[in-house]
Amino acid sequence: MENELRALRQASHEGAGRATPSSSAAVAMGQDEPTTVGPKCGVSLKEWVGMKLDNFDGTSTLVQATDWLSYVEDKMEAFEFERRFYPATFLDKMKLDLNNYVQDKKTVAEYEIGFNQIVRFVPHVAHDEVEKARQFHQGLKPAICHVLGAFSITDFRSMVEQALGVEMQLMYTTDLYKFSGGEQSQSQGDRKGHSGGPSHKKGKSQRHHAYRGSST
């Protein structure tokens, strides 16, 4: 019986030694035992929330879970790229440029192009449809901005379409006013030309002759 117990203890020690060879070797070499470390994330909680990623509740299928993970990884890669190649000073400048960007003498289409070139570097506006539309509305010409003030702000595309429609209406009204104003000026000029009354040329029968006196 004692021999059997001794054999079991020896087998137990040998099994434990084989189970963690790397740990034993590390300890023998004077190194700390390795520990499992997960991937380090370079994104703060505030930045993560600001990315507005879709939620995953764990009840979807394996394919949907894989798609969600790929989506998150793409977002993270894009975020890391922007943080690496777009310094904070540049992004701050883009925010300032966006706040100061106005339509001025540009058409709505030209204003939209310039707006999109700037807003893509301002993520908190670019990824928020309502805020993006509000910022676009703020920089429109006063005449267009005033008319659009009667409409509720829903999304960026709708705001652009409404601005284009108002611009077209204003252009039509301006052209109509110029046309009617030109006709009115011309008619007034014609009336001034005839204000002296009609001029009649005297015929031969109406010409005056010298008085010759009466004959007796």
Protein backbone atom coordinates (compact mmCIF):
# COMPACT_ATOMS: atom_id res chain seq x y z
CA MET A 1 0.00 0.00 0.00
CA GLU A 2 2.82 2.38 0.91
CA ASN A 3 4.54 1.64 -2.38
CA GLU A 4 1.32 2.46 -4.28
CA LEU A 5 0.86 5.79 -2.46
CA ARG A 6 4.50 6.69 -3.14
CA ALA A 7 4.00 5.95 -6.83
CA LEU A 8 0.86 8.14 -6.98
CA ARG A 9 2.66 11.10 -5.34
CA GLN A 10 5.56 10.77 -7.75
CA ALA A 11 3.22 10.67 -10.76
CA SER A 12 1.37 13.72 -9.44
CA HIS A 13 4.59 15.75 -9.12
CA GLU A 14 5.78 14.71 -12.58
CA GLY A 15 2.42 15.73 -14.11
CA ALA A 16 2.56 19.14 -12.47
CA GLY A 17 6.09 19.63 -13.78
CA ARG A 18 5.05 18.77 -17.34
CA ALA A 19 1.96 21.04 -17.18
CA THR A 20 3.95 24.26 -16.69
CA PRO A 21 7.42 23.79 -18.24
CA SER A 22 7.69 27.40 -19.35
CA SER A 23 6.78 28.67 -15.89
CA SER A 24 9.41 26.49 -14.24
CA ALA A 25 12.01 27.57 -16.75
CA ALA A 26 11.18 31.20 -16.23
CA VAL A 27 11.44 30.88 -12.47
CA ALA A 28 14.72 28.98 -12.77
CA MET A 29 16.17 31.77 -14.93
CA GLY A 30 15.16 34.35 -12.36
CA GLN A 31 12.38 35.82 -14.49
CA ASP A 32 8.89 36.64 -13.35
CA GLU A 33 6.22 34.21 -14.29
CA PRO A 34 4.50 35.44 -17.51
CA THR A 35 1.00 36.79 -17.19
CA THR A 36 -1.72 37.13 -19.77
CA VAL A 37 -2.14 40.73 -20.90
CA GLY A 38 -4.99 41.85 -23.16
CA PRO A 39 -4.61 44.35 -25.95
CA LYS A 40 -4.09 47.87 -24.84
CA CYS A 41 -6.66 50.34 -26.13
CA GLY A 42 -5.47 53.84 -26.97
CA VAL A 43 -8.98 55.32 -26.93
CA SER A 44 -10.43 57.02 -23.89
CA LEU A 45 -14.00 56.41 -22.74
CA LYS A 46 -15.00 59.90 -23.91
CA GLU A 47 -13.54 59.26 -27.36
CA TRP A 48 -15.22 55.85 -27.54
CA VAL A 49 -18.61 57.34 -26.73
CA GLY A 50 -18.01 60.13 -29.21
CA MET A 51 -17.52 57.60 -32.00
CA LYS A 52 -21.22 56.64 -31.63
CA LEU A 53 -20.74 52.99 -32.54
CA ASP A 54 -23.73 50.73 -32.94
CA ASN A 55 -24.50 48.67 -29.84
CA PHE A 56 -24.11 44.90 -29.79
CA ASP A 57 -26.25 43.06 -27.23
CA GLY A 58 -24.86 39.57 -27.88
CA THR A 59 -28.16 38.08 -29.05
CA SER A 60 -27.36 38.17 -32.77
CA THR A 61 -26.08 35.39 -34.96
CA LEU A 62 -22.40 34.59 -35.41
CA VAL A 63 -22.36 36.28 -38.81
CA GLN A 64 -23.89 39.47 -37.38
CA ALA A 65 -21.40 39.41 -34.51
CA THR A 66 -18.53 39.11 -36.98
CA ASP A 67 -19.89 41.98 -39.06
CA TRP A 68 -20.20 44.16 -35.96
CA LEU A 69 -16.63 43.39 -34.93
CA SER A 70 -15.35 44.27 -38.41
CA TYR A 71 -17.33 47.50 -38.27
CA VAL A 72 -15.80 48.44 -34.91
CA GLU A 73 -12.29 47.56 -36.09
CA ASP A 74 -12.70 49.74 -39.17
CA LYS A 75 -13.88 52.61 -37.00
CA MET A 76 -10.93 52.17 -34.66
CA GLU A 77 -8.45 52.10 -37.54
CA ALA A 78 -9.96 55.25 -39.01
CA PHE A 79 -9.86 56.94 -35.61
CA GLU A 80 -6.22 56.02 -35.07
CA PHE A 81 -5.35 57.24 -38.58
CA GLU A 82 -7.01 60.61 -37.99
CA ARG A 83 -5.35 61.04 -34.62
CA ARG A 84 -1.94 60.20 -36.07
CA PHE A 85 -1.98 62.24 -39.27
CA TYR A 86 -4.33 65.10 -38.30
CA PRO A 87 -2.74 66.94 -35.36
CA ALA A 88 -4.93 68.67 -32.82
CA THR A 89 -3.86 72.12 -34.05
CA PHE A 90 -5.08 71.29 -37.56
CA LEU A 91 -8.44 69.98 -36.30
CA ASP A 92 -8.90 73.07 -34.14
CA LYS A 93 -8.26 75.25 -37.18
CA MET A 94 -10.87 73.31 -39.16
CA LYS A 95 -13.43 73.90 -36.40
CA LEU A 96 -12.71 77.62 -36.52
CA ASP A 97 -12.88 77.68 -40.33
CA LEU A 98 -16.23 75.89 -40.25
CA ASN A 99 -17.70 78.39 -37.81
CA ASN A 100 -16.51 81.29 -39.99
CA TYR A 101 -17.44 79.78 -43.36
CA VAL A 102 -20.34 81.59 -45.06
CA GLN A 103 -21.96 81.55 -48.48
CA ASP A 104 -21.24 85.19 -49.29
CA LYS A 105 -21.35 85.59 -53.12
CA LYS A 106 -21.23 81.86 -53.84
CA THR A 107 -24.18 79.86 -55.11
CA VAL A 108 -25.70 77.26 -52.80
CA ALA A 109 -24.01 74.48 -54.80
CA GLU A 110 -20.60 76.17 -54.51
CA TYR A 111 -21.16 76.83 -50.83
CA GLU A 112 -22.03 73.15 -50.26
CA ILE A 113 -18.79 72.00 -51.91
CA GLY A 114 -16.65 74.24 -49.73
CA PHE A 115 -18.64 73.31 -46.63
CA ASN A 116 -18.11 69.57 -47.20
CA GLN A 117 -14.38 70.06 -47.68
CA ILE A 118 -14.13 71.56 -44.20
CA VAL A 119 -16.75 69.64 -42.22
CA ARG A 120 -15.14 66.24 -42.87
CA PHE A 121 -12.35 67.30 -40.50
CA VAL A 122 -14.83 68.17 -37.75
CA PRO A 123 -16.14 64.72 -36.70
CA HIS A 124 -18.67 65.84 -34.09
CA VAL A 125 -20.45 67.84 -36.82
CA ALA A 126 -19.83 65.53 -39.78
CA HIS A 127 -21.38 62.51 -38.01
CA ASP A 128 -24.40 64.40 -36.64
CA GLU A 129 -26.98 65.09 -39.37
CA VAL A 130 -28.92 67.68 -37.38
CA GLU A 131 -25.83 69.59 -36.27
CA LYS A 132 -24.40 69.43 -39.78
CA ALA A 133 -27.62 70.85 -41.24
CA ARG A 134 -27.74 73.55 -38.56
CA GLN A 135 -24.16 74.60 -39.29
CA PHE A 136 -24.88 74.71 -43.03
CA HIS A 137 -28.02 76.79 -42.46
CA GLN A 138 -26.11 79.23 -40.28
CA GLY A 139 -23.69 80.15 -43.11
CA LEU A 140 -26.28 80.73 -45.84
CA LYS A 141 -27.05 84.17 -47.26
CA PRO A 142 -29.37 86.14 -44.95
CA ALA A 143 -32.19 86.12 -47.52
CA ILE A 144 -32.10 82.32 -47.85
CA CYS A 145 -31.45 81.75 -44.15
CA HIS A 146 -34.47 83.88 -43.24
CA VAL A 147 -36.83 81.91 -45.48
CA LEU A 148 -35.53 78.55 -44.24
CA GLY A 149 -36.08 79.67 -40.66
CA ALA A 150 -39.72 78.67 -41.08
CA PHE A 151 -38.73 75.03 -41.69
CA SER A 152 -37.63 72.53 -39.06
CA ILE A 153 -34.08 71.19 -39.32
CA THR A 154 -34.12 67.44 -39.97
CA ASP A 155 -31.03 66.37 -41.90
CA PHE A 156 -28.27 67.83 -44.05
CA ARG A 157 -29.54 66.68 -47.45
CA SER A 158 -32.99 68.14 -46.87
CA MET A 159 -31.46 71.44 -45.81
CA VAL A 160 -29.40 71.63 -49.01
CA GLU A 161 -32.41 70.84 -51.20
CA GLN A 162 -34.50 73.49 -49.46
CA ALA A 163 -31.73 76.07 -49.85
CA LEU A 164 -31.44 75.30 -53.57
CA GLY A 165 -35.20 75.74 -53.97
CA VAL A 166 -35.23 79.09 -52.17
CA GLU A 167 -32.25 80.28 -54.20
CA MET A 168 -34.02 79.43 -57.46
CA GLN A 169 -37.16 81.26 -56.35
CA LEU A 170 -35.17 84.35 -55.36
CA MET A 171 -33.35 84.37 -58.70
CA TYR A 172 -36.65 84.11 -60.55
CA THR A 173 -38.13 86.96 -58.51
CA THR A 174 -35.06 89.14 -59.14
CA ASP A 175 -35.13 88.52 -62.89
CA LEU A 176 -38.85 89.23 -63.00
CA TYR A 177 -38.35 92.50 -61.13
CA LYS A 178 -35.56 93.58 -63.47
CA PHE A 179 -37.66 92.76 -66.52
CA SER A 180 -40.73 94.60 -65.28
CA GLY A 181 -38.61 97.53 -64.10
CA GLY A 182 -36.98 97.85 -67.54
CA GLU A 183 -40.32 97.91 -69.30
CA GLN A 184 -41.60 100.53 -66.88
CA SER A 185 -38.55 102.75 -67.47
CA GLN A 186 -38.95 102.45 -71.22
CA SER A 187 -42.64 103.38 -71.08
CA GLN A 188 -41.84 106.37 -68.87
CA GLY A 189 -39.23 107.50 -71.38
CA ASP A 190 -41.73 107.27 -74.20
CA ARG A 191 -44.22 109.36 -72.25
CA LYS A 192 -41.61 112.03 -71.58
CA GLY A 193 -40.78 112.21 -75.29
CA HIS A 194 -44.40 113.09 -76.10
CA SER A 195 -45.05 115.32 -73.10
CA GLY A 196 -44.68 118.52 -75.25
CA GLY A 197 -47.84 117.69 -77.14
CA PRO A 198 -48.15 116.55 -80.71
CA SER A 199 -46.10 118.45 -83.24
CA HIS A 200 -47.81 119.16 -86.55
CA LYS A 201 -46.10 120.33 -89.66
CA LYS A 202 -47.79 123.15 -91.44
CA GLY A 203 -48.90 122.46 -94.96
CA LYS A 204 -48.61 124.82 -97.86
CA SER A 205 -52.15 126.05 -97.36
CA GLN A 206 -51.35 126.98 -93.78
CA ARG A 207 -48.29 129.07 -94.50
CA HIS A 208 -48.52 132.81 -93.74
CA HIS A 209 -48.14 135.26 -96.59
CA ALA A 210 -47.18 138.91 -96.41
CA TYR A 211 -50.13 141.33 -96.22
CA ARG A 212 -50.40 143.16 -99.46
CA GLY A 213 -53.22 145.52 -98.48
CA SER A 214 -56.69 145.84 -99.99
CA SER A 215 -57.12 146.70 -103.59
CA THR A 216 -59.51 149.51 -104.51
